[in-house]
Amino acid sequence: MDELPFVISVVRSGGFAGLRREWTIEVSAPDDAERWRPIVEACPWDHVGGDPVPDGFVYDFRVAEHEAVVAERELDGPWRQLADEVRRHAG
C-alpha cells in the first residue's frame, strides 16, 4: 500500500433481501494517502473472526494486498471507521 494509486473497496452483501452494495475510492494524491493509511493500517487484517448470522450483512474489504470479510456484528472500531469513511467519500 506504499505505492500510489491504491484502491479501497467495501462491498456489503447479505441481509434479508440479499442486497449487494459496493463503494470504491481511488487514492492517488500523497495528501490523500496520508489521510487513508492510518485508517487502513488500524484494521486487524490478520485477526478477522466471527461467522455471519442468518440474514445479516457481511462486509468485504479490499485494499491493495489486504483483504478481509467481516460479519456486521464484528464491524466496530477501525472496521466501522473504514466502512463509514469509504461510503462517505465514494459519493
N, C-alpha and C. Protein backbone atom coordinates (compact mmCIF):
# COMPACT_ATOMS: atom_id res chain seq x y z
N MET A 1 0.82 -1.19 0.00
CA MET A 1 0.00 0.00 0.00
C MET A 1 0.86 1.25 0.00
N ASP A 2 2.15 1.08 -0.12
CA ASP A 2 3.02 2.24 -0.13
C ASP A 2 3.00 2.99 -1.46
N GLU A 3 2.63 2.29 -2.52
CA GLU A 3 2.64 2.92 -3.82
C GLU A 3 1.28 3.50 -4.17
N LEU A 4 1.32 4.61 -4.88
CA LEU A 4 0.09 5.25 -5.35
C LEU A 4 -0.09 4.94 -6.83
N PRO A 5 -1.28 4.89 -7.32
CA PRO A 5 -2.53 4.93 -6.57
C PRO A 5 -2.85 3.56 -5.96
N PHE A 6 -3.74 3.57 -4.99
CA PHE A 6 -4.31 2.33 -4.48
C PHE A 6 -5.81 2.51 -4.34
N VAL A 7 -6.52 1.40 -4.40
CA VAL A 7 -7.97 1.41 -4.38
C VAL A 7 -8.45 0.80 -3.06
N ILE A 8 -9.47 1.43 -2.49
CA ILE A 8 -10.13 0.90 -1.31
C ILE A 8 -11.55 0.54 -1.72
N SER A 9 -11.92 -0.72 -1.50
CA SER A 9 -13.24 -1.21 -1.89
C SER A 9 -13.92 -1.83 -0.69
N VAL A 10 -15.20 -1.48 -0.51
CA VAL A 10 -16.03 -2.07 0.54
C VAL A 10 -17.30 -2.58 -0.13
N VAL A 11 -17.55 -3.87 0.03
CA VAL A 11 -18.77 -4.48 -0.52
C VAL A 11 -19.58 -5.02 0.65
N ARG A 12 -20.83 -4.58 0.73
CA ARG A 12 -21.75 -5.09 1.76
C ARG A 12 -22.75 -6.00 1.04
N SER A 13 -22.87 -7.22 1.52
CA SER A 13 -23.81 -8.14 0.90
C SER A 13 -24.58 -8.88 1.99
N GLY A 14 -25.66 -9.53 1.57
CA GLY A 14 -26.46 -10.30 2.51
C GLY A 14 -27.69 -9.54 2.94
N GLY A 15 -28.04 -9.72 4.18
CA GLY A 15 -29.27 -9.12 4.68
C GLY A 15 -30.47 -9.95 4.27
N PHE A 16 -31.62 -9.56 4.74
CA PHE A 16 -32.85 -10.30 4.49
C PHE A 16 -33.14 -10.42 2.99
N ALA A 17 -32.91 -9.36 2.23
CA ALA A 17 -33.22 -9.37 0.79
C ALA A 17 -32.02 -9.77 -0.07
N GLY A 18 -30.89 -10.04 0.55
CA GLY A 18 -29.71 -10.43 -0.21
C GLY A 18 -29.14 -9.31 -1.06
N LEU A 19 -29.28 -8.09 -0.60
CA LEU A 19 -28.82 -6.94 -1.36
C LEU A 19 -27.30 -6.83 -1.35
N ARG A 20 -26.77 -6.24 -2.41
CA ARG A 20 -25.32 -6.03 -2.53
C ARG A 20 -25.07 -4.57 -2.87
N ARG A 21 -24.21 -3.93 -2.08
CA ARG A 21 -23.80 -2.54 -2.34
C ARG A 21 -22.29 -2.50 -2.34
N GLU A 22 -21.75 -1.66 -3.21
CA GLU A 22 -20.29 -1.54 -3.30
C GLU A 22 -19.90 -0.07 -3.34
N TRP A 23 -18.85 0.25 -2.57
CA TRP A 23 -18.29 1.60 -2.55
C TRP A 23 -16.79 1.47 -2.80
N THR A 24 -16.28 2.28 -3.70
CA THR A 24 -14.87 2.22 -4.05
C THR A 24 -14.31 3.63 -4.19
N ILE A 25 -13.11 3.80 -3.69
CA ILE A 25 -12.40 5.06 -3.90
C ILE A 25 -10.98 4.75 -4.37
N GLU A 26 -10.44 5.64 -5.16
CA GLU A 26 -9.05 5.53 -5.58
C GLU A 26 -8.26 6.63 -4.90
N VAL A 27 -7.21 6.23 -4.22
CA VAL A 27 -6.35 7.17 -3.52
C VAL A 27 -5.11 7.37 -4.40
N SER A 28 -4.96 8.58 -4.92
CA SER A 28 -3.86 8.82 -5.86
C SER A 28 -2.96 9.98 -5.45
N ALA A 29 -3.42 10.85 -4.59
CA ALA A 29 -2.61 12.00 -4.17
C ALA A 29 -1.90 11.68 -2.85
N PRO A 30 -0.66 12.12 -2.69
CA PRO A 30 0.07 11.86 -1.44
C PRO A 30 -0.67 12.36 -0.19
N ASP A 31 -1.30 13.52 -0.27
CA ASP A 31 -2.04 14.03 0.89
C ASP A 31 -3.21 13.11 1.25
N ASP A 32 -3.89 12.60 0.23
CA ASP A 32 -5.00 11.66 0.48
C ASP A 32 -4.48 10.36 1.08
N ALA A 33 -3.34 9.90 0.58
CA ALA A 33 -2.75 8.66 1.11
C ALA A 33 -2.41 8.80 2.59
N GLU A 34 -1.89 9.95 2.98
CA GLU A 34 -1.56 10.18 4.39
C GLU A 34 -2.80 10.16 5.27
N ARG A 35 -3.93 10.53 4.71
CA ARG A 35 -5.19 10.51 5.46
C ARG A 35 -5.73 9.08 5.59
N TRP A 36 -5.63 8.28 4.51
CA TRP A 36 -6.22 6.95 4.49
C TRP A 36 -5.35 5.88 5.11
N ARG A 37 -4.04 5.98 5.00
CA ARG A 37 -3.15 4.92 5.51
C ARG A 37 -3.38 4.58 6.98
N PRO A 38 -3.46 5.58 7.87
CA PRO A 38 -3.68 5.22 9.29
C PRO A 38 -4.99 4.48 9.53
N ILE A 39 -6.02 4.81 8.77
CA ILE A 39 -7.31 4.12 8.93
C ILE A 39 -7.17 2.67 8.49
N VAL A 40 -6.56 2.46 7.32
CA VAL A 40 -6.38 1.11 6.80
C VAL A 40 -5.47 0.28 7.69
N GLU A 41 -4.37 0.87 8.15
CA GLU A 41 -3.41 0.14 8.97
C GLU A 41 -3.93 -0.17 10.36
N ALA A 42 -4.94 0.56 10.83
CA ALA A 42 -5.52 0.28 12.15
C ALA A 42 -6.41 -0.96 12.13
N CYS A 43 -6.84 -1.39 10.97
CA CYS A 43 -7.71 -2.56 10.87
C CYS A 43 -6.92 -3.84 11.13
N PRO A 44 -7.48 -4.76 11.90
CA PRO A 44 -6.79 -6.02 12.22
C PRO A 44 -6.94 -7.04 11.10
N TRP A 45 -6.24 -6.84 10.00
CA TRP A 45 -6.38 -7.66 8.80
C TRP A 45 -6.12 -9.14 9.04
N ASP A 46 -5.26 -9.47 9.95
CA ASP A 46 -4.92 -10.88 10.21
C ASP A 46 -5.78 -11.52 11.29
N HIS A 47 -6.67 -10.76 11.89
CA HIS A 47 -7.45 -11.28 13.01
C HIS A 47 -8.93 -11.04 12.80
N VAL A 48 -9.44 -11.54 11.69
CA VAL A 48 -10.86 -11.40 11.40
C VAL A 48 -11.54 -12.70 11.77
N GLY A 49 -12.57 -12.59 12.59
CA GLY A 49 -13.27 -13.79 13.02
C GLY A 49 -14.76 -13.57 13.02
N GLY A 50 -15.45 -14.55 13.46
CA GLY A 50 -16.90 -14.43 13.58
C GLY A 50 -17.60 -14.90 12.32
N ASP A 51 -18.59 -15.74 12.52
CA ASP A 51 -19.39 -16.22 11.41
C ASP A 51 -20.56 -15.28 11.20
N PRO A 52 -20.97 -15.11 9.95
CA PRO A 52 -22.14 -14.27 9.71
C PRO A 52 -23.39 -14.90 10.31
N VAL A 53 -24.32 -14.06 10.68
CA VAL A 53 -25.60 -14.54 11.21
C VAL A 53 -26.59 -14.60 10.05
N PRO A 54 -27.58 -15.49 10.13
CA PRO A 54 -28.58 -15.54 9.07
C PRO A 54 -29.22 -14.16 8.86
N ASP A 55 -29.38 -13.80 7.61
CA ASP A 55 -29.98 -12.52 7.22
C ASP A 55 -29.17 -11.30 7.68
N GLY A 56 -27.94 -11.50 8.08
CA GLY A 56 -27.08 -10.38 8.47
C GLY A 56 -26.18 -9.97 7.32
N PHE A 57 -25.68 -8.76 7.39
CA PHE A 57 -24.77 -8.27 6.36
C PHE A 57 -23.35 -8.75 6.60
N VAL A 58 -22.61 -8.87 5.52
CA VAL A 58 -21.19 -9.19 5.55
C VAL A 58 -20.48 -8.12 4.74
N TYR A 59 -19.34 -7.66 5.25
CA TYR A 59 -18.55 -6.63 4.58
C TYR A 59 -17.26 -7.23 4.06
N ASP A 60 -17.00 -7.02 2.78
CA ASP A 60 -15.77 -7.49 2.14
C ASP A 60 -14.91 -6.26 1.89
N PHE A 61 -13.77 -6.19 2.57
CA PHE A 61 -12.84 -5.07 2.45
C PHE A 61 -11.65 -5.48 1.60
N ARG A 62 -11.26 -4.63 0.66
CA ARG A 62 -10.07 -4.88 -0.16
C ARG A 62 -9.29 -3.58 -0.30
N VAL A 63 -8.02 -3.66 0.07
CA VAL A 63 -7.11 -2.52 -0.06
C VAL A 63 -5.75 -3.08 -0.43
N ALA A 64 -5.31 -2.78 -1.65
CA ALA A 64 -4.00 -3.26 -2.13
C ALA A 64 -3.87 -4.75 -1.84
N GLU A 65 -2.88 -5.14 -1.03
CA GLU A 65 -2.65 -6.56 -0.75
C GLU A 65 -3.52 -7.10 0.39
N HIS A 66 -4.32 -6.26 1.00
CA HIS A 66 -5.16 -6.67 2.12
C HIS A 66 -6.56 -7.06 1.65
N GLU A 67 -7.11 -8.09 2.30
CA GLU A 67 -8.49 -8.48 2.06
C GLU A 67 -9.04 -9.11 3.33
N ALA A 68 -10.28 -8.75 3.66
CA ALA A 68 -10.92 -9.32 4.85
C ALA A 68 -12.42 -9.32 4.66
N VAL A 69 -13.07 -10.35 5.19
CA VAL A 69 -14.52 -10.43 5.22
C VAL A 69 -14.93 -10.34 6.68
N VAL A 70 -15.79 -9.36 6.97
CA VAL A 70 -16.16 -9.06 8.35
C VAL A 70 -17.68 -9.13 8.48
N ALA A 71 -18.16 -9.95 9.41
CA ALA A 71 -19.60 -10.00 9.69
C ALA A 71 -20.02 -8.68 10.32
N GLU A 72 -21.25 -8.28 10.05
CA GLU A 72 -21.74 -7.00 10.55
C GLU A 72 -21.61 -6.87 12.06
N ARG A 73 -21.82 -7.95 12.79
CA ARG A 73 -21.73 -7.88 14.25
C ARG A 73 -20.29 -7.62 14.73
N GLU A 74 -19.30 -7.86 13.86
CA GLU A 74 -17.90 -7.59 14.17
C GLU A 74 -17.44 -6.24 13.64
N LEU A 75 -18.35 -5.50 13.03
CA LEU A 75 -18.00 -4.23 12.39
C LEU A 75 -17.99 -3.11 13.43
N ASP A 76 -16.86 -2.99 14.11
CA ASP A 76 -16.71 -1.91 15.08
C ASP A 76 -15.28 -1.38 15.01
N GLY A 77 -15.00 -0.36 15.77
CA GLY A 77 -13.66 0.20 15.81
C GLY A 77 -13.15 0.60 14.44
N PRO A 78 -11.94 0.17 14.07
CA PRO A 78 -11.36 0.57 12.80
C PRO A 78 -12.13 0.05 11.58
N TRP A 79 -12.75 -1.12 11.69
CA TRP A 79 -13.56 -1.61 10.56
C TRP A 79 -14.73 -0.68 10.30
N ARG A 80 -15.40 -0.27 11.35
CA ARG A 80 -16.54 0.65 11.21
C ARG A 80 -16.06 1.97 10.61
N GLN A 81 -14.93 2.49 11.10
CA GLN A 81 -14.42 3.75 10.59
C GLN A 81 -14.09 3.64 9.10
N LEU A 82 -13.43 2.55 8.70
CA LEU A 82 -13.08 2.38 7.29
C LEU A 82 -14.34 2.29 6.43
N ALA A 83 -15.31 1.49 6.84
CA ALA A 83 -16.56 1.36 6.07
C ALA A 83 -17.28 2.70 5.95
N ASP A 84 -17.41 3.41 7.06
CA ASP A 84 -18.12 4.69 7.06
C ASP A 84 -17.41 5.74 6.21
N GLU A 85 -16.09 5.81 6.31
CA GLU A 85 -15.33 6.81 5.54
C GLU A 85 -15.38 6.52 4.04
N VAL A 86 -15.26 5.25 3.66
CA VAL A 86 -15.33 4.92 2.23
C VAL A 86 -16.72 5.23 1.69
N ARG A 87 -17.75 4.87 2.42
CA ARG A 87 -19.12 5.19 1.97
C ARG A 87 -19.31 6.68 1.82
N ARG A 88 -18.81 7.44 2.76
CA ARG A 88 -18.97 8.91 2.75
C ARG A 88 -18.24 9.53 1.56
N HIS A 89 -17.06 9.04 1.24
CA HIS A 89 -16.24 9.65 0.18
C HIS A 89 -16.49 9.07 -1.20
N ALA A 90 -17.17 7.92 -1.26
CA ALA A 90 -17.46 7.31 -2.56
C ALA A 90 -18.62 7.99 -3.27
N GLY A 91 -19.30 8.86 -2.56
CA GLY A 91 -20.38 9.60 -3.20
C GLY A 91 -21.67 9.03 -2.94
